[in-house]
Amino acid sequence: MKKLLLIALLCVTAVQAQDTIRIKHTNYTTVFSKSLHYPVLVEWWETKAKSQCANPLKRKDNFQPDPQDVKDTNLLKDYVGSGTDRGHMCPARENLCMGAKVQDECFYFSNMAAQYHSLNAGDWKSLETYTYNTSIEKDSIHIWAGSVGSARKIGTTTVPKQCWKVIYIVKTKELSAFIFNNDTSKPTGFQDNKVPVEAVERLTGFKFRINGTKVRK
């Protein structure tokens, strides 16, 4: 099997670069499209310490604009009556052990994509549960996620055609990738959406690399 080097190198055109804003928060970094109104790339680490603690906060659905780009992320009205969920890229569950500020950051619209409920509560959620449990068992997991394409508009926000994730488990050096159609089809299991990493690279234009370290596919 072919082998890869891993850390995300952004391969975007000048037009794409002008359209996106890169914002770093405590637990994640987002690359947010100002025209599409969804993140094309969100990157974060899931660890045992972040996933498991004695007194996690109670989840509060405090959806709000990102204070680093209020103009492009003031999107609450777009979702009202839209038929789509406010789908987290970096999951809420991974942000309940580090204080109220970190939880608030997770609910910024710079971390959201318009997902149909069948995806958000189906295979997307199942994959989130898998990485959560794996981070407790095997500790550090590097995750990239994002959305691509245009299915329709809800107000000023574009509903993406597809959502994707790339996952690297440090302990076992396992690298896996998934592409999900963002539609109303019934969940069949997140493993049915597994693809070669190259498929995500072709779809998004991103490259996933770690300097000088080869990892197994």
N, C-alpha and C. Protein backbone atom coordinates (compact mmCIF):
# COMPACT_ATOMS: atom_id res chain seq x y z
N MET A 1 0.84 -1.20 0.00
CA MET A 1 0.00 0.00 0.00
C MET A 1 0.88 1.25 0.00
N LYS A 2 0.36 2.26 -0.63
CA LYS A 2 1.07 3.53 -0.63
C LYS A 2 1.09 4.10 0.78
N LYS A 3 2.08 4.93 1.05
CA LYS A 3 2.17 5.58 2.36
C LYS A 3 2.18 7.09 2.20
N LEU A 4 1.71 7.78 3.23
CA LEU A 4 1.57 9.24 3.19
C LEU A 4 2.38 9.87 4.29
N LEU A 5 2.72 11.14 4.10
CA LEU A 5 3.18 12.00 5.18
C LEU A 5 1.98 12.83 5.59
N LEU A 6 1.86 13.23 6.88
CA LEU A 6 0.62 13.86 7.37
C LEU A 6 0.82 15.24 8.03
N ILE A 7 0.22 16.31 7.78
CA ILE A 7 -0.24 17.64 8.27
C ILE A 7 -0.91 18.33 7.10
N ALA A 8 -1.95 19.08 7.36
CA ALA A 8 -2.76 19.62 6.27
C ALA A 8 -2.07 20.80 5.62
N LEU A 9 -1.77 20.68 4.36
CA LEU A 9 -1.25 21.79 3.57
C LEU A 9 -2.37 22.26 2.66
N LEU A 10 -2.68 23.51 2.75
CA LEU A 10 -3.81 24.04 2.02
C LEU A 10 -3.38 24.35 0.60
N CYS A 11 -4.03 23.70 -0.37
CA CYS A 11 -3.75 23.96 -1.77
C CYS A 11 -4.98 24.65 -2.35
N VAL A 12 -5.01 25.94 -2.31
CA VAL A 12 -6.15 26.69 -2.79
C VAL A 12 -5.69 27.73 -3.78
N THR A 13 -6.58 28.10 -4.67
CA THR A 13 -6.26 29.15 -5.63
C THR A 13 -6.29 30.49 -4.94
N ALA A 14 -5.81 31.52 -5.63
CA ALA A 14 -5.81 32.87 -5.06
C ALA A 14 -7.23 33.33 -4.75
N VAL A 15 -8.17 32.95 -5.62
CA VAL A 15 -9.57 33.34 -5.39
C VAL A 15 -10.10 32.68 -4.13
N GLN A 16 -9.83 31.38 -3.95
CA GLN A 16 -10.27 30.68 -2.76
C GLN A 16 -9.65 31.27 -1.51
N ALA A 17 -8.37 31.62 -1.59
CA ALA A 17 -7.69 32.19 -0.44
C ALA A 17 -8.32 33.52 -0.02
N GLN A 18 -8.73 34.31 -0.99
CA GLN A 18 -9.38 35.58 -0.68
C GLN A 18 -10.76 35.36 -0.07
N ASP A 19 -11.39 34.24 -0.38
CA ASP A 19 -12.75 33.98 0.09
C ASP A 19 -12.77 33.42 1.51
N THR A 20 -11.68 32.86 2.00
CA THR A 20 -11.69 32.20 3.29
C THR A 20 -10.96 33.03 4.35
N ILE A 21 -11.36 32.80 5.59
CA ILE A 21 -10.68 33.39 6.73
C ILE A 21 -10.28 32.27 7.68
N ARG A 22 -9.06 32.31 8.14
CA ARG A 22 -8.54 31.28 9.06
C ARG A 22 -8.62 31.83 10.48
N ILE A 23 -9.33 31.11 11.36
CA ILE A 23 -9.55 31.57 12.73
C ILE A 23 -9.13 30.47 13.69
N LYS A 24 -8.29 30.82 14.66
CA LYS A 24 -7.82 29.85 15.65
C LYS A 24 -8.54 30.08 16.97
N HIS A 25 -9.10 29.00 17.51
CA HIS A 25 -9.70 29.03 18.84
C HIS A 25 -8.97 28.04 19.74
N THR A 26 -9.39 27.93 20.99
CA THR A 26 -8.66 27.12 21.97
C THR A 26 -8.51 25.68 21.52
N ASN A 27 -9.61 25.09 21.06
CA ASN A 27 -9.61 23.66 20.74
C ASN A 27 -9.62 23.35 19.25
N TYR A 28 -9.79 24.33 18.41
CA TYR A 28 -9.84 24.05 16.97
C TYR A 28 -9.44 25.28 16.16
N THR A 29 -9.07 25.01 14.92
CA THR A 29 -8.82 26.07 13.94
C THR A 29 -9.75 25.85 12.76
N THR A 30 -10.40 26.92 12.31
CA THR A 30 -11.35 26.81 11.21
C THR A 30 -10.89 27.65 10.02
N VAL A 31 -11.14 27.14 8.83
CA VAL A 31 -10.99 27.92 7.61
C VAL A 31 -12.40 28.10 7.05
N PHE A 32 -12.92 29.29 7.18
CA PHE A 32 -14.34 29.57 6.93
C PHE A 32 -14.52 30.33 5.63
N SER A 33 -15.44 29.85 4.79
CA SER A 33 -15.74 30.52 3.52
C SER A 33 -16.71 31.67 3.75
N LYS A 34 -16.31 32.86 3.39
CA LYS A 34 -17.15 34.05 3.58
C LYS A 34 -18.27 34.12 2.57
N SER A 35 -18.17 33.40 1.46
CA SER A 35 -19.25 33.40 0.47
C SER A 35 -20.23 32.25 0.68
N LEU A 36 -19.70 31.08 1.07
CA LEU A 36 -20.55 29.91 1.27
C LEU A 36 -21.18 29.90 2.67
N HIS A 37 -20.52 30.56 3.61
CA HIS A 37 -20.98 30.59 4.99
C HIS A 37 -20.95 29.22 5.67
N TYR A 38 -19.92 28.46 5.33
CA TYR A 38 -19.61 27.25 6.09
C TYR A 38 -18.10 27.03 6.08
N PRO A 39 -17.57 26.25 7.05
CA PRO A 39 -16.13 25.99 7.08
C PRO A 39 -15.75 24.95 6.04
N VAL A 40 -14.75 25.27 5.24
CA VAL A 40 -14.24 24.29 4.28
C VAL A 40 -13.25 23.34 4.95
N LEU A 41 -12.70 23.78 6.09
CA LEU A 41 -11.76 22.94 6.83
C LEU A 41 -11.77 23.35 8.29
N VAL A 42 -11.91 22.37 9.18
CA VAL A 42 -11.74 22.57 10.62
C VAL A 42 -10.76 21.50 11.10
N GLU A 43 -9.80 21.92 11.92
CA GLU A 43 -8.74 21.00 12.36
C GLU A 43 -8.64 21.04 13.88
N TRP A 44 -8.52 19.86 14.50
CA TRP A 44 -8.40 19.81 15.96
C TRP A 44 -7.81 18.48 16.41
N TRP A 45 -7.47 18.42 17.71
CA TRP A 45 -7.01 17.20 18.35
C TRP A 45 -8.08 16.71 19.32
N GLU A 46 -8.32 15.41 19.32
CA GLU A 46 -9.12 14.79 20.37
C GLU A 46 -8.17 13.95 21.23
N THR A 47 -8.24 14.17 22.54
CA THR A 47 -7.37 13.46 23.48
C THR A 47 -8.19 12.92 24.63
N LYS A 48 -7.59 12.03 25.42
CA LYS A 48 -8.27 11.48 26.58
C LYS A 48 -8.63 12.58 27.56
N ALA A 49 -7.74 13.54 27.76
CA ALA A 49 -7.98 14.63 28.71
C ALA A 49 -9.16 15.51 28.29
N LYS A 50 -9.31 15.72 26.98
CA LYS A 50 -10.42 16.54 26.48
C LYS A 50 -11.74 15.77 26.50
N SER A 51 -11.66 14.46 26.31
CA SER A 51 -12.87 13.67 26.19
C SER A 51 -13.44 13.24 27.53
N GLN A 52 -12.57 13.05 28.51
CA GLN A 52 -12.99 12.44 29.77
C GLN A 52 -12.52 13.28 30.94
N CYS A 53 -13.46 13.73 31.77
CA CYS A 53 -13.11 14.47 32.98
C CYS A 53 -14.17 14.20 34.04
N ALA A 54 -13.85 14.54 35.26
CA ALA A 54 -14.73 14.22 36.38
C ALA A 54 -16.03 15.01 36.34
N ASN A 55 -15.94 16.27 35.91
CA ASN A 55 -17.12 17.14 35.95
C ASN A 55 -17.30 17.90 34.63
N PRO A 56 -17.70 17.22 33.57
CA PRO A 56 -17.93 17.93 32.31
C PRO A 56 -19.10 18.89 32.43
N LEU A 57 -19.02 19.98 31.68
CA LEU A 57 -20.11 20.94 31.66
C LEU A 57 -21.35 20.34 31.03
N LYS A 58 -22.50 20.83 31.42
CA LYS A 58 -23.73 20.48 30.74
C LYS A 58 -23.77 21.22 29.41
N ARG A 59 -24.13 20.52 28.36
CA ARG A 59 -24.17 21.15 27.05
C ARG A 59 -25.19 22.29 27.01
N LYS A 60 -24.76 23.44 26.49
CA LYS A 60 -25.64 24.57 26.25
C LYS A 60 -25.58 24.92 24.78
N ASP A 61 -26.70 24.89 24.10
CA ASP A 61 -26.72 25.16 22.66
C ASP A 61 -26.68 26.67 22.41
N ASN A 62 -25.54 27.24 22.73
CA ASN A 62 -25.36 28.70 22.64
C ASN A 62 -24.78 29.08 21.28
N PHE A 63 -25.55 28.83 20.23
CA PHE A 63 -25.10 29.14 18.87
C PHE A 63 -24.99 30.67 18.71
N GLN A 64 -23.85 31.10 18.16
CA GLN A 64 -23.62 32.54 18.06
C GLN A 64 -22.57 32.85 16.99
N PRO A 65 -22.50 34.11 16.55
CA PRO A 65 -21.46 34.50 15.60
C PRO A 65 -20.08 34.37 16.21
N ASP A 66 -19.10 34.14 15.35
CA ASP A 66 -17.71 34.13 15.80
C ASP A 66 -17.26 35.58 16.01
N PRO A 67 -16.80 35.95 17.20
CA PRO A 67 -16.41 37.34 17.43
C PRO A 67 -15.23 37.81 16.59
N GLN A 68 -14.49 36.86 15.99
CA GLN A 68 -13.40 37.26 15.11
C GLN A 68 -13.87 37.56 13.68
N ASP A 69 -15.13 37.24 13.37
CA ASP A 69 -15.70 37.59 12.07
C ASP A 69 -17.23 37.59 12.18
N VAL A 70 -17.75 38.56 12.93
CA VAL A 70 -19.19 38.62 13.18
C VAL A 70 -19.97 38.81 11.89
N LYS A 71 -19.47 39.61 10.98
CA LYS A 71 -20.18 39.93 9.75
C LYS A 71 -20.54 38.68 8.95
N ASP A 72 -19.60 37.76 8.80
CA ASP A 72 -19.81 36.59 7.95
C ASP A 72 -20.38 35.40 8.69
N THR A 73 -20.43 35.46 10.02
CA THR A 73 -20.89 34.30 10.80
C THR A 73 -22.14 34.61 11.63
N ASN A 74 -22.81 35.69 11.34
CA ASN A 74 -24.06 36.03 12.03
C ASN A 74 -25.21 35.35 11.29
N LEU A 75 -25.36 34.04 11.49
CA LEU A 75 -26.16 33.21 10.60
C LEU A 75 -27.36 32.53 11.27
N LEU A 76 -27.67 32.89 12.48
CA LEU A 76 -28.73 32.21 13.22
C LEU A 76 -30.06 32.22 12.47
N LYS A 77 -30.42 33.36 11.88
CA LYS A 77 -31.70 33.48 11.19
C LYS A 77 -31.79 32.57 9.97
N ASP A 78 -30.66 32.30 9.33
CA ASP A 78 -30.67 31.45 8.13
C ASP A 78 -31.20 30.04 8.44
N TYR A 79 -30.91 29.56 9.64
CA TYR A 79 -31.26 28.19 9.99
C TYR A 79 -32.70 28.02 10.45
N VAL A 80 -33.35 29.10 10.84
CA VAL A 80 -34.71 29.01 11.37
C VAL A 80 -35.66 28.53 10.26
N GLY A 81 -36.34 27.40 10.49
CA GLY A 81 -37.26 26.85 9.51
C GLY A 81 -36.62 26.36 8.23
N SER A 82 -35.31 26.11 8.26
CA SER A 82 -34.57 25.76 7.03
C SER A 82 -34.66 24.28 6.68
N GLY A 83 -35.01 23.44 7.65
CA GLY A 83 -34.99 22.01 7.40
C GLY A 83 -33.62 21.39 7.53
N THR A 84 -32.65 22.16 8.03
CA THR A 84 -31.30 21.64 8.25
C THR A 84 -30.88 21.90 9.69
N ASP A 85 -29.93 21.08 10.15
CA ASP A 85 -29.35 21.25 11.48
C ASP A 85 -28.13 22.15 11.41
N ARG A 86 -27.78 22.71 12.55
CA ARG A 86 -26.50 23.41 12.70
C ARG A 86 -25.46 22.36 13.07
N GLY A 87 -24.82 21.82 12.05
CA GLY A 87 -23.95 20.66 12.23
C GLY A 87 -22.54 21.03 12.64
N HIS A 88 -22.14 20.59 13.84
CA HIS A 88 -20.78 20.85 14.31
C HIS A 88 -19.76 20.12 13.43
N MET A 89 -18.65 20.78 13.16
CA MET A 89 -17.48 20.11 12.62
C MET A 89 -16.67 19.56 13.80
N CYS A 90 -16.10 20.41 14.64
CA CYS A 90 -15.50 19.98 15.89
C CYS A 90 -16.63 19.76 16.88
N PRO A 91 -16.81 18.53 17.39
CA PRO A 91 -18.02 18.19 18.15
C PRO A 91 -18.14 18.92 19.49
N ALA A 92 -19.38 19.17 19.88
CA ALA A 92 -19.63 19.80 21.18
C ALA A 92 -19.10 18.94 22.33
N ARG A 93 -19.23 17.63 22.19
CA ARG A 93 -18.85 16.70 23.26
C ARG A 93 -17.38 16.81 23.62
N GLU A 94 -16.55 17.22 22.66
CA GLU A 94 -15.12 17.33 22.89
C GLU A 94 -14.73 18.66 23.53
N ASN A 95 -15.71 19.47 23.90
CA ASN A 95 -15.42 20.81 24.41
C ASN A 95 -16.13 21.09 25.73
N LEU A 96 -16.35 20.04 26.52
CA LEU A 96 -17.09 20.19 27.77
C LEU A 96 -16.22 20.04 29.01
N CYS A 97 -14.91 19.85 28.82
CA CYS A 97 -14.02 19.61 29.95
C CYS A 97 -13.02 20.73 30.19
N MET A 98 -13.14 21.84 29.44
CA MET A 98 -12.13 22.89 29.54
C MET A 98 -12.73 24.26 29.85
N GLY A 99 -13.93 24.28 30.38
CA GLY A 99 -14.51 25.55 30.82
C GLY A 99 -15.52 26.13 29.86
N ALA A 100 -16.26 27.13 30.36
CA ALA A 100 -17.37 27.72 29.62
C ALA A 100 -16.92 28.42 28.35
N LYS A 101 -15.78 29.09 28.37
CA LYS A 101 -15.29 29.80 27.19
C LYS A 101 -15.06 28.85 26.03
N VAL A 102 -14.46 27.70 26.33
CA VAL A 102 -14.17 26.73 25.28
C VAL A 102 -15.47 26.16 24.71
N GLN A 103 -16.46 25.91 25.58
CA GLN A 103 -17.73 25.42 25.08
C GLN A 103 -18.39 26.47 24.19
N ASP A 104 -18.35 27.73 24.57
CA ASP A 104 -18.93 28.79 23.75
C ASP A 104 -18.27 28.84 22.37
N GLU A 105 -16.95 28.70 22.34
CA GLU A 105 -16.24 28.75 21.06
C GLU A 105 -16.71 27.65 20.12
N CYS A 106 -17.03 26.48 20.68
CA CYS A 106 -17.46 25.36 19.86
C CYS A 106 -18.78 25.64 19.15
N PHE A 107 -19.59 26.55 19.70
CA PHE A 107 -20.90 26.85 19.13
C PHE A 107 -20.89 28.07 18.21
N TYR A 108 -19.71 28.57 17.85
CA TYR A 108 -19.64 29.63 16.85
C TYR A 108 -20.04 29.08 15.48
N PHE A 109 -20.69 29.89 14.68
CA PHE A 109 -21.10 29.44 13.35
C PHE A 109 -19.92 29.19 12.42
N SER A 110 -18.74 29.63 12.80
CA SER A 110 -17.53 29.30 12.02
C SER A 110 -17.16 27.83 12.16
N ASN A 111 -17.85 27.11 13.06
CA ASN A 111 -17.65 25.68 13.26
C ASN A 111 -18.87 24.87 12.81
N MET A 112 -19.79 25.51 12.08
CA MET A 112 -21.05 24.87 11.70
C MET A 112 -21.22 24.76 10.19
N ALA A 113 -21.86 23.68 9.77
CA ALA A 113 -22.33 23.56 8.39
C ALA A 113 -23.79 23.13 8.43
N ALA A 114 -24.55 23.56 7.43
CA ALA A 114 -25.96 23.18 7.35
C ALA A 114 -26.05 21.72 6.92
N GLN A 115 -26.39 20.85 7.87
CA GLN A 115 -26.50 19.42 7.59
C GLN A 115 -27.95 18.96 7.76
N TYR A 116 -28.37 18.08 6.88
CA TYR A 116 -29.67 17.45 7.08
C TYR A 116 -29.60 16.57 8.33
N HIS A 117 -30.73 16.48 9.03
CA HIS A 117 -30.75 15.78 10.31
C HIS A 117 -30.36 14.32 10.16
N SER A 118 -30.72 13.71 9.05
CA SER A 118 -30.39 12.30 8.84
C SER A 118 -28.88 12.07 8.81
N LEU A 119 -28.12 13.06 8.39
CA LEU A 119 -26.66 12.96 8.44
C LEU A 119 -26.15 13.37 9.81
N ASN A 120 -26.59 14.54 10.29
CA ASN A 120 -26.06 15.08 11.54
C ASN A 120 -26.31 14.15 12.71
N ALA A 121 -27.48 13.52 12.76
CA ALA A 121 -27.82 12.62 13.86
C ALA A 121 -27.59 11.15 13.50
N GLY A 122 -27.08 10.91 12.29
CA GLY A 122 -26.87 9.55 11.80
C GLY A 122 -25.40 9.18 11.74
N ASP A 123 -24.90 8.98 10.52
CA ASP A 123 -23.53 8.49 10.37
C ASP A 123 -22.49 9.50 10.84
N TRP A 124 -22.77 10.80 10.69
CA TRP A 124 -21.83 11.83 11.17
C TRP A 124 -21.67 11.70 12.69
N LYS A 125 -22.80 11.56 13.39
CA LYS A 125 -22.76 11.41 14.85
C LYS A 125 -22.09 10.10 15.25
N SER A 126 -22.35 9.04 14.50
CA SER A 126 -21.73 7.74 14.81
C SER A 126 -20.21 7.83 14.70
N LEU A 127 -19.71 8.55 13.72
CA LEU A 127 -18.27 8.72 13.59
C LEU A 127 -17.72 9.57 14.73
N GLU A 128 -18.47 10.59 15.15
CA GLU A 128 -18.06 11.38 16.31
C GLU A 128 -17.95 10.50 17.56
N THR A 129 -18.91 9.61 17.74
CA THR A 129 -18.88 8.71 18.89
C THR A 129 -17.67 7.78 18.82
N TYR A 130 -17.37 7.30 17.62
CA TYR A 130 -16.21 6.42 17.43
C TYR A 130 -14.91 7.15 17.81
N THR A 131 -14.72 8.37 17.33
CA THR A 131 -13.48 9.08 17.65
C THR A 131 -13.42 9.46 19.13
N TYR A 132 -14.57 9.78 19.71
CA TYR A 132 -14.62 10.08 21.14
C TYR A 132 -14.15 8.88 21.96
N ASN A 133 -14.72 7.72 21.68
CA ASN A 133 -14.35 6.51 22.42
C ASN A 133 -12.90 6.12 22.15
N THR A 134 -12.46 6.29 20.91
CA THR A 134 -11.08 5.94 20.56
C THR A 134 -10.09 6.86 21.24
N SER A 135 -10.44 8.14 21.39
CA SER A 135 -9.53 9.08 22.06
C SER A 135 -9.35 8.72 23.53
N ILE A 136 -10.37 8.15 24.15
CA ILE A 136 -10.26 7.70 25.54
C ILE A 136 -9.39 6.45 25.62
N GLU A 137 -9.54 5.57 24.64
CA GLU A 137 -8.79 4.31 24.64
C GLU A 137 -7.35 4.49 24.18
N LYS A 138 -7.14 5.29 23.14
CA LYS A 138 -5.82 5.38 22.52
C LYS A 138 -5.21 6.77 22.56
N ASP A 139 -5.90 7.71 23.20
CA ASP A 139 -5.46 9.09 23.38
C ASP A 139 -5.44 9.85 22.06
N SER A 140 -4.35 10.43 21.67
CA SER A 140 -4.33 11.52 20.69
C SER A 140 -4.80 11.11 19.30
N ILE A 141 -5.79 11.87 18.80
CA ILE A 141 -6.29 11.71 17.44
C ILE A 141 -6.31 13.08 16.78
N HIS A 142 -5.70 13.17 15.63
CA HIS A 142 -5.70 14.41 14.84
C HIS A 142 -6.82 14.31 13.82
N ILE A 143 -7.71 15.30 13.79
CA ILE A 143 -8.88 15.23 12.93
C ILE A 143 -9.01 16.49 12.10
N TRP A 144 -9.34 16.28 10.82
CA TRP A 144 -9.70 17.36 9.91
C TRP A 144 -11.11 17.08 9.41
N ALA A 145 -11.93 18.10 9.30
CA ALA A 145 -13.29 17.92 8.78
C ALA A 145 -13.67 19.15 8.00
N GLY A 146 -14.67 18.99 7.14
CA GLY A 146 -15.13 20.16 6.39
C GLY A 146 -16.29 19.81 5.49
N SER A 147 -16.64 20.76 4.67
CA SER A 147 -17.77 20.61 3.76
C SER A 147 -17.36 21.11 2.38
N VAL A 148 -18.14 20.69 1.37
CA VAL A 148 -17.80 21.05 0.00
C VAL A 148 -19.07 21.07 -0.85
N GLY A 149 -19.11 21.94 -1.83
CA GLY A 149 -20.20 21.96 -2.79
C GLY A 149 -21.38 22.81 -2.37
N SER A 150 -22.35 22.88 -3.26
CA SER A 150 -23.55 23.70 -3.03
C SER A 150 -24.79 22.94 -3.49
N ALA A 151 -25.63 22.55 -2.52
CA ALA A 151 -26.89 21.87 -2.83
C ALA A 151 -28.02 22.87 -3.01
N ARG A 152 -28.09 23.85 -2.10
CA ARG A 152 -29.10 24.90 -2.17
C ARG A 152 -28.74 25.98 -1.16
N LYS A 153 -29.55 27.01 -1.08
CA LYS A 153 -29.33 28.10 -0.14
C LYS A 153 -30.40 28.11 0.93
N ILE A 154 -30.01 28.42 2.16
CA ILE A 154 -30.96 28.75 3.22
C ILE A 154 -30.61 30.18 3.65
N GLY A 155 -31.36 31.14 3.20
CA GLY A 155 -30.97 32.53 3.42
C GLY A 155 -29.67 32.82 2.70
N THR A 156 -28.67 33.27 3.46
CA THR A 156 -27.36 33.56 2.86
C THR A 156 -26.40 32.37 2.95
N THR A 157 -26.84 31.30 3.61
CA THR A 157 -25.96 30.16 3.87
C THR A 157 -26.15 29.06 2.83
N THR A 158 -25.04 28.54 2.34
CA THR A 158 -25.07 27.43 1.39
C THR A 158 -25.14 26.11 2.12
N VAL A 159 -26.03 25.24 1.68
CA VAL A 159 -26.08 23.87 2.18
C VAL A 159 -25.09 23.05 1.36
N PRO A 160 -24.04 22.49 1.98
CA PRO A 160 -23.05 21.73 1.21
C PRO A 160 -23.61 20.43 0.67
N LYS A 161 -23.05 19.98 -0.45
CA LYS A 161 -23.45 18.69 -1.01
C LYS A 161 -22.86 17.53 -0.21
N GLN A 162 -21.65 17.74 0.30
CA GLN A 162 -20.96 16.66 1.00
C GLN A 162 -20.20 17.21 2.21
N CYS A 163 -20.02 16.36 3.20
CA CYS A 163 -19.18 16.64 4.36
C CYS A 163 -18.14 15.52 4.46
N TRP A 164 -16.99 15.82 5.00
CA TRP A 164 -15.90 14.85 5.01
C TRP A 164 -15.09 14.92 6.30
N LYS A 165 -14.36 13.85 6.59
CA LYS A 165 -13.42 13.82 7.71
C LYS A 165 -12.20 12.99 7.35
N VAL A 166 -11.05 13.42 7.88
CA VAL A 166 -9.81 12.64 7.82
C VAL A 166 -9.33 12.49 9.26
N ILE A 167 -8.98 11.27 9.65
CA ILE A 167 -8.66 10.94 11.04
C ILE A 167 -7.31 10.22 11.11
N TYR A 168 -6.44 10.70 12.01
CA TYR A 168 -5.14 10.05 12.21
C TYR A 168 -5.00 9.70 13.69
N ILE A 169 -4.87 8.41 14.00
CA ILE A 169 -4.68 7.93 15.36
C ILE A 169 -3.18 7.78 15.60
N VAL A 170 -2.64 8.60 16.48
CA VAL A 170 -1.19 8.66 16.66
C VAL A 170 -0.62 7.34 17.15
N LYS A 171 -1.25 6.72 18.13
CA LYS A 171 -0.71 5.50 18.75
C LYS A 171 -0.54 4.37 17.74
N THR A 172 -1.50 4.20 16.87
CA THR A 172 -1.46 3.10 15.91
C THR A 172 -1.05 3.54 14.51
N LYS A 173 -0.87 4.84 14.31
CA LYS A 173 -0.50 5.41 13.01
C LYS A 173 -1.52 5.05 11.93
N GLU A 174 -2.77 4.95 12.33
CA GLU A 174 -3.85 4.65 11.38
C GLU A 174 -4.39 5.95 10.79
N LEU A 175 -4.55 5.98 9.50
CA LEU A 175 -5.10 7.12 8.78
C LEU A 175 -6.33 6.67 8.02
N SER A 176 -7.45 7.34 8.22
CA SER A 176 -8.67 6.96 7.52
C SER A 176 -9.43 8.21 7.09
N ALA A 177 -10.26 8.04 6.07
CA ALA A 177 -10.98 9.18 5.50
C ALA A 177 -12.41 8.77 5.17
N PHE A 178 -13.31 9.76 5.22
CA PHE A 178 -14.73 9.51 5.02
C PHE A 178 -15.35 10.68 4.25
N ILE A 179 -16.24 10.35 3.32
CA ILE A 179 -17.03 11.36 2.60
C ILE A 179 -18.50 10.98 2.76
N PHE A 180 -19.30 11.95 3.21
CA PHE A 180 -20.73 11.72 3.43
C PHE A 180 -21.55 12.61 2.52
N ASN A 181 -22.55 12.05 1.86
CA ASN A 181 -23.50 12.87 1.12
C ASN A 181 -24.42 13.57 2.12
N ASN A 182 -24.59 14.86 1.94
CA ASN A 182 -25.45 15.64 2.83
C ASN A 182 -26.85 15.67 2.24
N ASP A 183 -27.65 14.65 2.61
CA ASP A 183 -29.00 14.54 2.07
C ASP A 183 -29.90 13.86 3.10
N THR A 184 -31.06 13.44 2.70
CA THR A 184 -32.04 12.88 3.65
C THR A 184 -32.07 11.36 3.63
N SER A 185 -31.08 10.74 3.02
CA SER A 185 -31.04 9.28 2.98
C SER A 185 -30.80 8.71 4.38
N LYS A 186 -31.25 7.48 4.60
CA LYS A 186 -31.13 6.85 5.90
C LYS A 186 -29.68 6.44 6.17
N PRO A 187 -29.24 6.55 7.42
CA PRO A 187 -27.88 6.13 7.77
C PRO A 187 -27.67 4.64 7.53
N THR A 188 -26.48 4.30 7.07
CA THR A 188 -26.14 2.89 6.85
C THR A 188 -24.91 2.46 7.64
N GLY A 189 -24.33 3.40 8.42
CA GLY A 189 -23.11 3.11 9.17
C GLY A 189 -21.95 3.91 8.60
N PHE A 190 -21.18 4.55 9.47
CA PHE A 190 -20.13 5.46 8.97
C PHE A 190 -19.08 4.73 8.16
N GLN A 191 -18.86 3.44 8.42
CA GLN A 191 -17.85 2.70 7.66
C GLN A 191 -18.22 2.57 6.19
N ASP A 192 -19.51 2.67 5.86
CA ASP A 192 -19.93 2.62 4.46
C ASP A 192 -19.49 3.85 3.68
N ASN A 193 -19.05 4.88 4.41
CA ASN A 193 -18.62 6.13 3.78
C ASN A 193 -17.10 6.27 3.75
N LYS A 194 -16.40 5.20 4.09
CA LYS A 194 -14.94 5.24 4.11
C LYS A 194 -14.39 5.25 2.69
N VAL A 195 -13.39 6.10 2.47
CA VAL A 195 -12.79 6.27 1.14
C VAL A 195 -11.27 6.38 1.29
N PRO A 196 -10.52 6.20 0.23
CA PRO A 196 -9.09 6.49 0.29
C PRO A 196 -8.86 7.97 0.59
N VAL A 197 -7.78 8.28 1.30
CA VAL A 197 -7.47 9.67 1.62
C VAL A 197 -7.36 10.51 0.34
N GLU A 198 -6.86 9.89 -0.71
CA GLU A 198 -6.72 10.61 -1.98
C GLU A 198 -8.06 11.12 -2.51
N ALA A 199 -9.14 10.43 -2.18
CA ALA A 199 -10.46 10.86 -2.63
C ALA A 199 -10.85 12.19 -1.98
N VAL A 200 -10.52 12.36 -0.71
CA VAL A 200 -10.78 13.63 -0.03
C VAL A 200 -9.86 14.71 -0.59
N GLU A 201 -8.62 14.35 -0.87
CA GLU A 201 -7.68 15.33 -1.43
C GLU A 201 -8.17 15.83 -2.79
N ARG A 202 -8.67 14.92 -3.62
CA ARG A 202 -9.18 15.34 -4.93
C ARG A 202 -10.43 16.19 -4.79
N LEU A 203 -11.29 15.84 -3.85
CA LEU A 203 -12.54 16.55 -3.65
C LEU A 203 -12.32 17.96 -3.13
N THR A 204 -11.36 18.12 -2.23
CA THR A 204 -11.21 19.39 -1.51
C THR A 204 -10.04 20.24 -1.97
N GLY A 205 -9.03 19.62 -2.57
CA GLY A 205 -7.82 20.35 -2.91
C GLY A 205 -6.83 20.43 -1.76
N PHE A 206 -7.14 19.84 -0.60
CA PHE A 206 -6.24 19.83 0.53
C PHE A 206 -5.32 18.61 0.46
N LYS A 207 -4.13 18.75 1.08
CA LYS A 207 -3.20 17.62 1.22
C LYS A 207 -2.96 17.39 2.70
N PHE A 208 -2.90 16.12 3.11
CA PHE A 208 -2.77 15.76 4.51
C PHE A 208 -1.41 15.13 4.75
N ARG A 209 -0.59 15.81 5.55
CA ARG A 209 0.81 15.46 5.70
C ARG A 209 1.28 15.66 7.13
N ILE A 210 2.32 14.87 7.53
CA ILE A 210 3.10 15.15 8.73
C ILE A 210 4.55 15.15 8.30
N ASN A 211 5.24 16.20 8.62
CA ASN A 211 6.61 16.38 8.14
C ASN A 211 7.51 15.21 8.55
N GLY A 212 8.05 14.53 7.55
CA GLY A 212 9.04 13.51 7.79
C GLY A 212 8.56 12.21 8.41
N THR A 213 7.25 12.05 8.60
CA THR A 213 6.74 10.85 9.26
C THR A 213 5.79 10.13 8.34
N LYS A 214 6.08 8.88 8.03
CA LYS A 214 5.19 8.08 7.20
C LYS A 214 4.15 7.38 8.07
N VAL A 215 2.95 7.33 7.58
CA VAL A 215 1.89 6.64 8.30
C VAL A 215 1.18 5.68 7.39
N ARG A 216 0.63 4.62 7.98
CA ARG A 216 -0.07 3.60 7.21
C ARG A 216 -1.46 4.08 6.84
N LYS A 217 -1.92 3.68 5.65
CA LYS A 217 -3.30 3.94 5.24
C LYS A 217 -4.20 2.88 5.81
